[in-house]
Amino acid sequence: MARAPVVPILAIWLSLLLALCLQVMPLADGWQVYRPEWLGLMLIYWCMRAPDRVGVFHGFVLGILMDLIEGTALGQHALIYSLLAFLCALVYPRFRAYSLVQQSALVLVLLGLVQLVAQWLRTIVGDFSIHLAFLIPSLISAFLWPWLSTMFQAFERRLAAS
C-alpha cells in the first residue's frame, strides 16, 4: 500500500495559521453567519491526514490563540477545538475509507457537534440565542470539504515531489 507523503510540520503549522487568519478576518455584519469554519476544516484535514503529527494539543493551542484574538472567555475555543481533534481521532479509521461525499457528511456532523457545544458554552457565558443559525458555518464547511481536501492533497504531492 502506498504511503502518504510526509509533510513538514512547518507546512502544517503555516496552513493552520492561515486558517486562523481566515477565521478571524473581518466581514460585514450580515455575512458573519456565512463564514465557513476554516480552522475546524484545517484541523480535521490534518488530523485525518497526519494523525501522528496533529492532534488534541494542536487544537488546544489554536483554540487558545482564537480566544486571545477574539477576546472570548479563555479556554472556550480551546475546549471546542480540542474536542474536535479528539472526535477526529475517534473516527479516523472510518473517515479515510469514505468517499468525498461521505467525508463531507461526516465533516458536517463533526462541525455541527462542535458548534452545538460552542453554542452551549456561549449560553453559559451569557450570549443566549434560540435560533439554529449557528449551524450554517458547519453546512457551508461541509460543502467546501471536497474542494479543500483535493487542493491540499495536491499540495502534499507537490511538496513530496520537490
N, C-alpha and C. Protein backbone atom coordinates (compact mmCIF):
# COMPACT_ATOMS: atom_id res chain seq x y z
N MET A 1 0.85 -1.17 0.00
CA MET A 1 0.00 0.00 0.00
C MET A 1 0.89 1.24 0.00
N ALA A 2 0.55 2.20 -0.83
CA ALA A 2 1.33 3.43 -0.93
C ALA A 2 1.14 4.29 0.32
N ARG A 3 2.23 4.80 0.80
CA ARG A 3 2.20 5.64 2.00
C ARG A 3 2.04 7.10 1.59
N ALA A 4 1.25 7.84 2.35
CA ALA A 4 1.06 9.26 2.08
C ALA A 4 2.38 10.00 2.29
N PRO A 5 2.65 11.01 1.47
CA PRO A 5 3.90 11.75 1.63
C PRO A 5 3.93 12.47 2.96
N VAL A 6 5.13 12.55 3.52
CA VAL A 6 5.30 13.21 4.81
C VAL A 6 5.41 14.72 4.57
N VAL A 7 4.53 15.45 5.21
CA VAL A 7 4.51 16.91 5.07
C VAL A 7 5.29 17.50 6.24
N PRO A 8 6.17 18.45 5.98
CA PRO A 8 6.91 19.08 7.08
C PRO A 8 5.96 19.75 8.07
N ILE A 9 6.31 19.69 9.34
CA ILE A 9 5.46 20.25 10.39
C ILE A 9 5.31 21.76 10.20
N LEU A 10 6.31 22.39 9.60
CA LEU A 10 6.21 23.84 9.33
C LEU A 10 5.09 24.14 8.34
N ALA A 11 4.94 23.30 7.33
CA ALA A 11 3.84 23.49 6.36
C ALA A 11 2.49 23.28 7.03
N ILE A 12 2.42 22.32 7.94
CA ILE A 12 1.17 22.08 8.67
C ILE A 12 0.81 23.29 9.52
N TRP A 13 1.78 23.80 10.28
CA TRP A 13 1.52 24.96 11.14
C TRP A 13 1.19 26.20 10.33
N LEU A 14 1.86 26.39 9.19
CA LEU A 14 1.55 27.55 8.36
C LEU A 14 0.14 27.48 7.80
N SER A 15 -0.29 26.29 7.40
CA SER A 15 -1.67 26.16 6.90
C SER A 15 -2.69 26.37 8.02
N LEU A 16 -2.36 25.91 9.22
CA LEU A 16 -3.27 26.13 10.35
C LEU A 16 -3.33 27.61 10.72
N LEU A 17 -2.20 28.30 10.65
CA LEU A 17 -2.19 29.74 10.95
C LEU A 17 -2.91 30.53 9.86
N LEU A 18 -2.81 30.09 8.61
CA LEU A 18 -3.58 30.71 7.54
C LEU A 18 -5.08 30.54 7.78
N ALA A 19 -5.47 29.35 8.20
CA ALA A 19 -6.88 29.11 8.53
C ALA A 19 -7.32 29.98 9.71
N LEU A 20 -6.44 30.17 10.68
CA LEU A 20 -6.75 31.05 11.81
C LEU A 20 -6.97 32.48 11.33
N CYS A 21 -6.14 32.94 10.40
CA CYS A 21 -6.32 34.29 9.85
C CYS A 21 -7.63 34.40 9.08
N LEU A 22 -7.97 33.37 8.30
CA LEU A 22 -9.24 33.40 7.58
C LEU A 22 -10.42 33.37 8.54
N GLN A 23 -10.26 32.68 9.67
CA GLN A 23 -11.33 32.56 10.64
C GLN A 23 -11.64 33.89 11.32
N VAL A 24 -10.63 34.71 11.54
CA VAL A 24 -10.85 35.97 12.26
C VAL A 24 -10.89 37.18 11.33
N MET A 25 -10.82 36.94 10.04
CA MET A 25 -10.88 38.04 9.07
C MET A 25 -12.22 38.76 9.19
N PRO A 26 -12.21 40.09 9.25
CA PRO A 26 -13.47 40.82 9.41
C PRO A 26 -14.37 40.70 8.18
N LEU A 27 -15.65 40.55 8.43
CA LEU A 27 -16.67 40.51 7.39
C LEU A 27 -17.77 41.49 7.75
N ALA A 28 -18.57 41.84 6.77
CA ALA A 28 -19.71 42.72 7.03
C ALA A 28 -20.68 42.02 7.99
N ASP A 29 -21.47 42.81 8.70
CA ASP A 29 -22.34 42.26 9.73
C ASP A 29 -23.28 41.17 9.22
N GLY A 30 -23.87 41.35 8.08
CA GLY A 30 -24.82 40.38 7.56
C GLY A 30 -24.18 39.09 7.08
N TRP A 31 -22.89 39.13 6.81
CA TRP A 31 -22.20 37.97 6.25
C TRP A 31 -21.49 37.13 7.29
N GLN A 32 -21.44 37.55 8.54
CA GLN A 32 -20.76 36.81 9.60
C GLN A 32 -21.28 35.38 9.75
N VAL A 33 -22.58 35.21 9.55
CA VAL A 33 -23.21 33.90 9.73
C VAL A 33 -22.74 32.91 8.67
N TYR A 34 -22.34 33.40 7.50
CA TYR A 34 -21.99 32.53 6.38
C TYR A 34 -20.51 32.21 6.29
N ARG A 35 -19.73 32.59 7.29
CA ARG A 35 -18.30 32.31 7.28
C ARG A 35 -18.08 30.82 7.54
N PRO A 36 -17.34 30.14 6.66
CA PRO A 36 -17.03 28.73 6.92
C PRO A 36 -16.16 28.59 8.16
N GLU A 37 -16.16 27.46 8.73
CA GLU A 37 -15.33 27.15 9.91
C GLU A 37 -13.95 26.73 9.40
N TRP A 38 -13.15 27.72 8.95
CA TRP A 38 -11.86 27.43 8.32
C TRP A 38 -10.92 26.67 9.23
N LEU A 39 -10.83 27.11 10.47
CA LEU A 39 -9.90 26.47 11.39
C LEU A 39 -10.33 25.04 11.69
N GLY A 40 -11.62 24.83 11.84
CA GLY A 40 -12.12 23.48 12.06
C GLY A 40 -11.86 22.57 10.87
N LEU A 41 -12.05 23.10 9.66
CA LEU A 41 -11.78 22.32 8.44
C LEU A 41 -10.31 21.91 8.36
N MET A 42 -9.41 22.86 8.61
CA MET A 42 -7.99 22.54 8.53
C MET A 42 -7.57 21.57 9.63
N LEU A 43 -8.14 21.74 10.81
CA LEU A 43 -7.82 20.83 11.89
C LEU A 43 -8.30 19.42 11.57
N ILE A 44 -9.49 19.30 11.02
CA ILE A 44 -10.00 17.98 10.60
C ILE A 44 -9.09 17.40 9.53
N TYR A 45 -8.73 18.20 8.55
CA TYR A 45 -7.89 17.70 7.45
C TYR A 45 -6.58 17.14 7.97
N TRP A 46 -5.89 17.93 8.79
CA TRP A 46 -4.57 17.47 9.25
C TRP A 46 -4.68 16.36 10.29
N CYS A 47 -5.73 16.33 11.06
CA CYS A 47 -5.93 15.21 11.99
C CYS A 47 -6.19 13.90 11.23
N MET A 48 -6.80 13.99 10.07
CA MET A 48 -7.07 12.80 9.27
C MET A 48 -5.87 12.40 8.40
N ARG A 49 -5.14 13.37 7.89
CA ARG A 49 -4.01 13.06 7.01
C ARG A 49 -2.74 12.71 7.78
N ALA A 50 -2.55 13.34 8.93
CA ALA A 50 -1.34 13.09 9.72
C ALA A 50 -1.71 12.95 11.19
N PRO A 51 -2.42 11.86 11.55
CA PRO A 51 -2.89 11.74 12.93
C PRO A 51 -1.77 11.57 13.95
N ASP A 52 -0.60 11.15 13.51
CA ASP A 52 0.52 11.01 14.43
C ASP A 52 1.25 12.33 14.66
N ARG A 53 0.94 13.35 13.85
CA ARG A 53 1.62 14.64 13.96
C ARG A 53 0.72 15.77 14.43
N VAL A 54 -0.59 15.65 14.22
CA VAL A 54 -1.55 16.70 14.59
C VAL A 54 -2.64 16.06 15.43
N GLY A 55 -2.93 16.68 16.57
CA GLY A 55 -3.94 16.10 17.45
C GLY A 55 -4.54 17.12 18.39
N VAL A 56 -4.88 16.65 19.56
CA VAL A 56 -5.59 17.46 20.55
C VAL A 56 -4.74 18.66 20.99
N PHE A 57 -3.44 18.47 21.12
CA PHE A 57 -2.57 19.58 21.52
C PHE A 57 -2.66 20.74 20.53
N HIS A 58 -2.66 20.41 19.23
CA HIS A 58 -2.76 21.46 18.21
C HIS A 58 -4.10 22.17 18.31
N GLY A 59 -5.16 21.41 18.54
CA GLY A 59 -6.48 22.02 18.71
C GLY A 59 -6.51 22.94 19.92
N PHE A 60 -5.86 22.53 21.00
CA PHE A 60 -5.82 23.35 22.20
C PHE A 60 -5.06 24.65 21.97
N VAL A 61 -3.89 24.56 21.34
CA VAL A 61 -3.08 25.76 21.09
C VAL A 61 -3.81 26.72 20.16
N LEU A 62 -4.40 26.19 19.09
CA LEU A 62 -5.14 27.05 18.17
C LEU A 62 -6.38 27.65 18.85
N GLY A 63 -7.01 26.91 19.73
CA GLY A 63 -8.15 27.42 20.47
C GLY A 63 -7.77 28.56 21.41
N ILE A 64 -6.63 28.41 22.09
CA ILE A 64 -6.14 29.49 22.96
C ILE A 64 -5.84 30.74 22.13
N LEU A 65 -5.20 30.55 20.97
CA LEU A 65 -4.93 31.69 20.10
C LEU A 65 -6.24 32.35 19.66
N MET A 66 -7.22 31.54 19.33
CA MET A 66 -8.52 32.07 18.90
C MET A 66 -9.19 32.83 20.05
N ASP A 67 -9.10 32.31 21.27
CA ASP A 67 -9.65 33.00 22.44
C ASP A 67 -8.97 34.35 22.64
N LEU A 68 -7.66 34.39 22.48
CA LEU A 68 -6.93 35.64 22.67
C LEU A 68 -7.26 36.65 21.59
N ILE A 69 -7.42 36.19 20.36
CA ILE A 69 -7.72 37.11 19.26
C ILE A 69 -9.13 37.66 19.38
N GLU A 70 -10.10 36.80 19.67
CA GLU A 70 -11.49 37.23 19.72
C GLU A 70 -11.89 37.84 21.06
N GLY A 71 -11.10 37.64 22.08
CA GLY A 71 -11.42 38.20 23.38
C GLY A 71 -12.53 37.46 24.11
N THR A 72 -12.71 36.19 23.80
CA THR A 72 -13.74 35.39 24.48
C THR A 72 -13.16 34.84 25.77
N ALA A 73 -14.00 34.14 26.51
CA ALA A 73 -13.55 33.53 27.76
C ALA A 73 -12.40 32.57 27.46
N LEU A 74 -11.31 32.70 28.19
CA LEU A 74 -10.12 31.91 27.93
C LEU A 74 -10.42 30.43 28.13
N GLY A 75 -10.21 29.66 27.10
CA GLY A 75 -10.45 28.22 27.14
C GLY A 75 -11.69 27.79 26.40
N GLN A 76 -12.52 28.73 25.99
CA GLN A 76 -13.76 28.38 25.29
C GLN A 76 -13.46 27.72 23.95
N HIS A 77 -12.70 28.40 23.10
CA HIS A 77 -12.34 27.82 21.81
C HIS A 77 -11.33 26.67 21.99
N ALA A 78 -10.50 26.76 23.01
CA ALA A 78 -9.54 25.68 23.26
C ALA A 78 -10.28 24.37 23.54
N LEU A 79 -11.34 24.43 24.32
CA LEU A 79 -12.15 23.23 24.58
C LEU A 79 -12.81 22.74 23.31
N ILE A 80 -13.32 23.66 22.51
CA ILE A 80 -14.04 23.29 21.29
C ILE A 80 -13.10 22.61 20.29
N TYR A 81 -11.94 23.21 20.02
CA TYR A 81 -11.03 22.63 19.03
C TYR A 81 -10.34 21.38 19.56
N SER A 82 -10.12 21.28 20.85
CA SER A 82 -9.59 20.05 21.42
C SER A 82 -10.60 18.92 21.28
N LEU A 83 -11.87 19.23 21.52
CA LEU A 83 -12.92 18.24 21.33
C LEU A 83 -13.00 17.81 19.87
N LEU A 84 -12.87 18.75 18.95
CA LEU A 84 -12.91 18.42 17.53
C LEU A 84 -11.75 17.48 17.15
N ALA A 85 -10.55 17.77 17.63
CA ALA A 85 -9.41 16.91 17.34
C ALA A 85 -9.60 15.52 17.97
N PHE A 86 -10.17 15.46 19.15
CA PHE A 86 -10.43 14.18 19.80
C PHE A 86 -11.46 13.37 19.01
N LEU A 87 -12.53 14.02 18.56
CA LEU A 87 -13.54 13.33 17.75
C LEU A 87 -12.94 12.85 16.42
N CYS A 88 -12.04 13.63 15.86
CA CYS A 88 -11.36 13.20 14.64
C CYS A 88 -10.52 11.95 14.88
N ALA A 89 -9.87 11.90 16.03
CA ALA A 89 -9.07 10.72 16.36
C ALA A 89 -9.97 9.48 16.54
N LEU A 90 -11.18 9.70 17.01
CA LEU A 90 -12.11 8.57 17.18
C LEU A 90 -12.60 8.01 15.85
N VAL A 91 -12.86 8.87 14.88
CA VAL A 91 -13.43 8.41 13.60
C VAL A 91 -12.37 8.27 12.51
N TYR A 92 -11.11 8.45 12.85
CA TYR A 92 -10.05 8.42 11.86
C TYR A 92 -10.05 7.17 10.97
N PRO A 93 -10.12 5.95 11.49
CA PRO A 93 -10.04 4.79 10.60
C PRO A 93 -11.19 4.71 9.59
N ARG A 94 -12.38 5.07 10.01
CA ARG A 94 -13.52 5.04 9.10
C ARG A 94 -13.47 6.18 8.10
N PHE A 95 -13.04 7.33 8.54
CA PHE A 95 -13.03 8.54 7.71
C PHE A 95 -12.19 8.34 6.45
N ARG A 96 -11.04 7.71 6.60
CA ARG A 96 -10.13 7.54 5.47
C ARG A 96 -10.70 6.61 4.40
N ALA A 97 -11.63 5.73 4.78
CA ALA A 97 -12.20 4.78 3.82
C ALA A 97 -13.39 5.36 3.07
N TYR A 98 -13.92 6.48 3.52
CA TYR A 98 -15.11 7.06 2.91
C TYR A 98 -14.78 7.83 1.63
N SER A 99 -15.80 7.98 0.77
CA SER A 99 -15.67 8.84 -0.41
C SER A 99 -15.75 10.30 0.05
N LEU A 100 -15.49 11.22 -0.87
CA LEU A 100 -15.52 12.65 -0.52
C LEU A 100 -16.91 13.10 -0.08
N VAL A 101 -17.95 12.55 -0.68
CA VAL A 101 -19.31 12.93 -0.28
C VAL A 101 -19.61 12.43 1.13
N GLN A 102 -19.21 11.20 1.43
CA GLN A 102 -19.41 10.68 2.77
C GLN A 102 -18.55 11.43 3.78
N GLN A 103 -17.35 11.80 3.39
CA GLN A 103 -16.50 12.60 4.27
C GLN A 103 -17.14 13.95 4.55
N SER A 104 -17.76 14.55 3.54
CA SER A 104 -18.46 15.83 3.74
C SER A 104 -19.58 15.69 4.75
N ALA A 105 -20.32 14.58 4.67
CA ALA A 105 -21.39 14.36 5.64
C ALA A 105 -20.82 14.21 7.05
N LEU A 106 -19.70 13.51 7.18
CA LEU A 106 -19.07 13.35 8.49
C LEU A 106 -18.50 14.68 8.99
N VAL A 107 -17.96 15.49 8.10
CA VAL A 107 -17.48 16.82 8.48
C VAL A 107 -18.65 17.67 8.99
N LEU A 108 -19.80 17.56 8.33
CA LEU A 108 -20.99 18.27 8.78
C LEU A 108 -21.37 17.85 10.19
N VAL A 109 -21.33 16.56 10.46
CA VAL A 109 -21.68 16.06 11.79
C VAL A 109 -20.66 16.52 12.83
N LEU A 110 -19.38 16.38 12.51
CA LEU A 110 -18.33 16.78 13.47
C LEU A 110 -18.40 18.27 13.79
N LEU A 111 -18.47 19.09 12.75
CA LEU A 111 -18.52 20.53 12.98
C LEU A 111 -19.85 20.95 13.61
N GLY A 112 -20.94 20.25 13.26
CA GLY A 112 -22.23 20.54 13.89
C GLY A 112 -22.20 20.26 15.38
N LEU A 113 -21.59 19.13 15.77
CA LEU A 113 -21.47 18.82 17.21
C LEU A 113 -20.62 19.87 17.92
N VAL A 114 -19.53 20.26 17.28
CA VAL A 114 -18.65 21.25 17.90
C VAL A 114 -19.36 22.60 18.00
N GLN A 115 -20.11 22.98 16.97
CA GLN A 115 -20.86 24.23 17.02
C GLN A 115 -21.95 24.18 18.09
N LEU A 116 -22.53 23.02 18.28
CA LEU A 116 -23.53 22.86 19.33
C LEU A 116 -22.92 23.06 20.71
N VAL A 117 -21.74 22.49 20.93
CA VAL A 117 -21.03 22.69 22.20
C VAL A 117 -20.64 24.15 22.36
N ALA A 118 -20.20 24.78 21.27
CA ALA A 118 -19.83 26.20 21.33
C ALA A 118 -21.04 27.06 21.69
N GLN A 119 -22.17 26.74 21.10
CA GLN A 119 -23.40 27.50 21.42
C GLN A 119 -23.79 27.28 22.88
N TRP A 120 -23.64 26.07 23.37
CA TRP A 120 -23.95 25.79 24.78
C TRP A 120 -23.02 26.59 25.69
N LEU A 121 -21.72 26.65 25.34
CA LEU A 121 -20.78 27.44 26.14
C LEU A 121 -21.12 28.93 26.09
N ARG A 122 -21.50 29.42 24.91
CA ARG A 122 -21.89 30.83 24.81
C ARG A 122 -23.13 31.12 25.65
N THR A 123 -24.05 30.17 25.72
CA THR A 123 -25.25 30.34 26.53
C THR A 123 -24.89 30.40 28.01
N ILE A 124 -23.93 29.59 28.43
CA ILE A 124 -23.49 29.61 29.83
C ILE A 124 -22.84 30.95 30.16
N VAL A 125 -22.01 31.46 29.22
CA VAL A 125 -21.32 32.73 29.45
C VAL A 125 -22.31 33.89 29.46
N GLY A 126 -23.40 33.80 28.70
CA GLY A 126 -24.40 34.84 28.76
C GLY A 126 -24.95 35.31 27.43
N ASP A 127 -24.38 34.87 26.31
CA ASP A 127 -24.85 35.27 24.99
C ASP A 127 -25.90 34.27 24.52
N PHE A 128 -27.14 34.43 24.95
CA PHE A 128 -28.20 33.47 24.68
C PHE A 128 -28.83 33.69 23.32
N SER A 129 -29.00 32.62 22.56
CA SER A 129 -29.63 32.68 21.25
C SER A 129 -30.45 31.41 21.06
N ILE A 130 -31.65 31.54 20.50
CA ILE A 130 -32.53 30.38 20.39
C ILE A 130 -32.63 29.83 18.97
N HIS A 131 -32.13 30.54 17.96
CA HIS A 131 -32.26 30.06 16.57
C HIS A 131 -31.08 29.16 16.20
N LEU A 132 -31.24 28.43 15.10
CA LEU A 132 -30.24 27.45 14.68
C LEU A 132 -29.27 28.01 13.64
N ALA A 133 -29.15 29.31 13.53
CA ALA A 133 -28.24 29.91 12.55
C ALA A 133 -26.78 29.58 12.84
N PHE A 134 -26.46 29.16 14.05
CA PHE A 134 -25.08 28.83 14.37
C PHE A 134 -24.61 27.57 13.63
N LEU A 135 -25.52 26.81 13.03
CA LEU A 135 -25.15 25.60 12.28
C LEU A 135 -24.84 25.89 10.81
N ILE A 136 -25.10 27.10 10.33
CA ILE A 136 -24.85 27.44 8.93
C ILE A 136 -23.36 27.31 8.57
N PRO A 137 -22.41 27.76 9.41
CA PRO A 137 -21.00 27.56 9.06
C PRO A 137 -20.63 26.08 8.89
N SER A 138 -21.24 25.21 9.65
CA SER A 138 -20.97 23.78 9.50
C SER A 138 -21.44 23.27 8.16
N LEU A 139 -22.59 23.73 7.73
CA LEU A 139 -23.14 23.32 6.44
C LEU A 139 -22.27 23.83 5.29
N ILE A 140 -21.88 25.08 5.35
CA ILE A 140 -21.03 25.65 4.31
C ILE A 140 -19.67 24.96 4.30
N SER A 141 -19.13 24.66 5.48
CA SER A 141 -17.84 23.96 5.57
C SER A 141 -17.93 22.57 4.96
N ALA A 142 -19.04 21.89 5.16
CA ALA A 142 -19.21 20.56 4.58
C ALA A 142 -19.24 20.64 3.05
N PHE A 143 -19.83 21.69 2.49
CA PHE A 143 -19.83 21.86 1.04
C PHE A 143 -18.43 22.19 0.52
N LEU A 144 -17.61 22.85 1.33
CA LEU A 144 -16.25 23.20 0.91
C LEU A 144 -15.25 22.05 1.09
N TRP A 145 -15.62 21.03 1.86
CA TRP A 145 -14.69 19.95 2.19
C TRP A 145 -14.07 19.28 0.96
N PRO A 146 -14.85 18.84 -0.05
CA PRO A 146 -14.22 18.16 -1.18
C PRO A 146 -13.18 19.03 -1.90
N TRP A 147 -13.48 20.31 -2.06
CA TRP A 147 -12.55 21.22 -2.70
C TRP A 147 -11.27 21.37 -1.87
N LEU A 148 -11.42 21.61 -0.58
CA LEU A 148 -10.28 21.80 0.30
C LEU A 148 -9.42 20.55 0.38
N SER A 149 -10.06 19.41 0.52
CA SER A 149 -9.34 18.15 0.62
C SER A 149 -8.54 17.85 -0.65
N THR A 150 -9.15 18.05 -1.79
CA THR A 150 -8.47 17.81 -3.06
C THR A 150 -7.32 18.79 -3.25
N MET A 151 -7.53 20.04 -2.88
CA MET A 151 -6.48 21.04 -3.03
C MET A 151 -5.28 20.73 -2.15
N PHE A 152 -5.51 20.33 -0.92
CA PHE A 152 -4.38 20.06 -0.02
C PHE A 152 -3.70 18.73 -0.32
N GLN A 153 -4.41 17.77 -0.90
CA GLN A 153 -3.73 16.56 -1.34
C GLN A 153 -2.79 16.86 -2.49
N ALA A 154 -3.21 17.75 -3.40
CA ALA A 154 -2.31 18.17 -4.48
C ALA A 154 -1.12 18.95 -3.92
N PHE A 155 -1.35 19.75 -2.89
CA PHE A 155 -0.28 20.48 -2.22
C PHE A 155 0.72 19.51 -1.59
N GLU A 156 0.22 18.45 -0.97
CA GLU A 156 1.10 17.44 -0.37
C GLU A 156 1.94 16.75 -1.43
N ARG A 157 1.32 16.39 -2.56
CA ARG A 157 2.06 15.74 -3.65
C ARG A 157 3.14 16.67 -4.20
N ARG A 158 2.81 17.94 -4.32
CA ARG A 158 3.79 18.90 -4.82
C ARG A 158 4.96 19.04 -3.85
N LEU A 159 4.67 19.05 -2.56
CA LEU A 159 5.76 19.13 -1.57
C LEU A 159 6.62 17.88 -1.61
N ALA A 160 6.00 16.72 -1.82
CA ALA A 160 6.75 15.47 -1.86
C ALA A 160 7.62 15.37 -3.10
N ALA A 161 7.14 15.97 -4.21
CA ALA A 161 7.90 15.91 -5.46
C ALA A 161 9.12 16.82 -5.44
N SER A 162 9.06 17.88 -4.66
CA SER A 162 10.19 18.82 -4.65
C SER A 162 11.21 18.50 -3.59
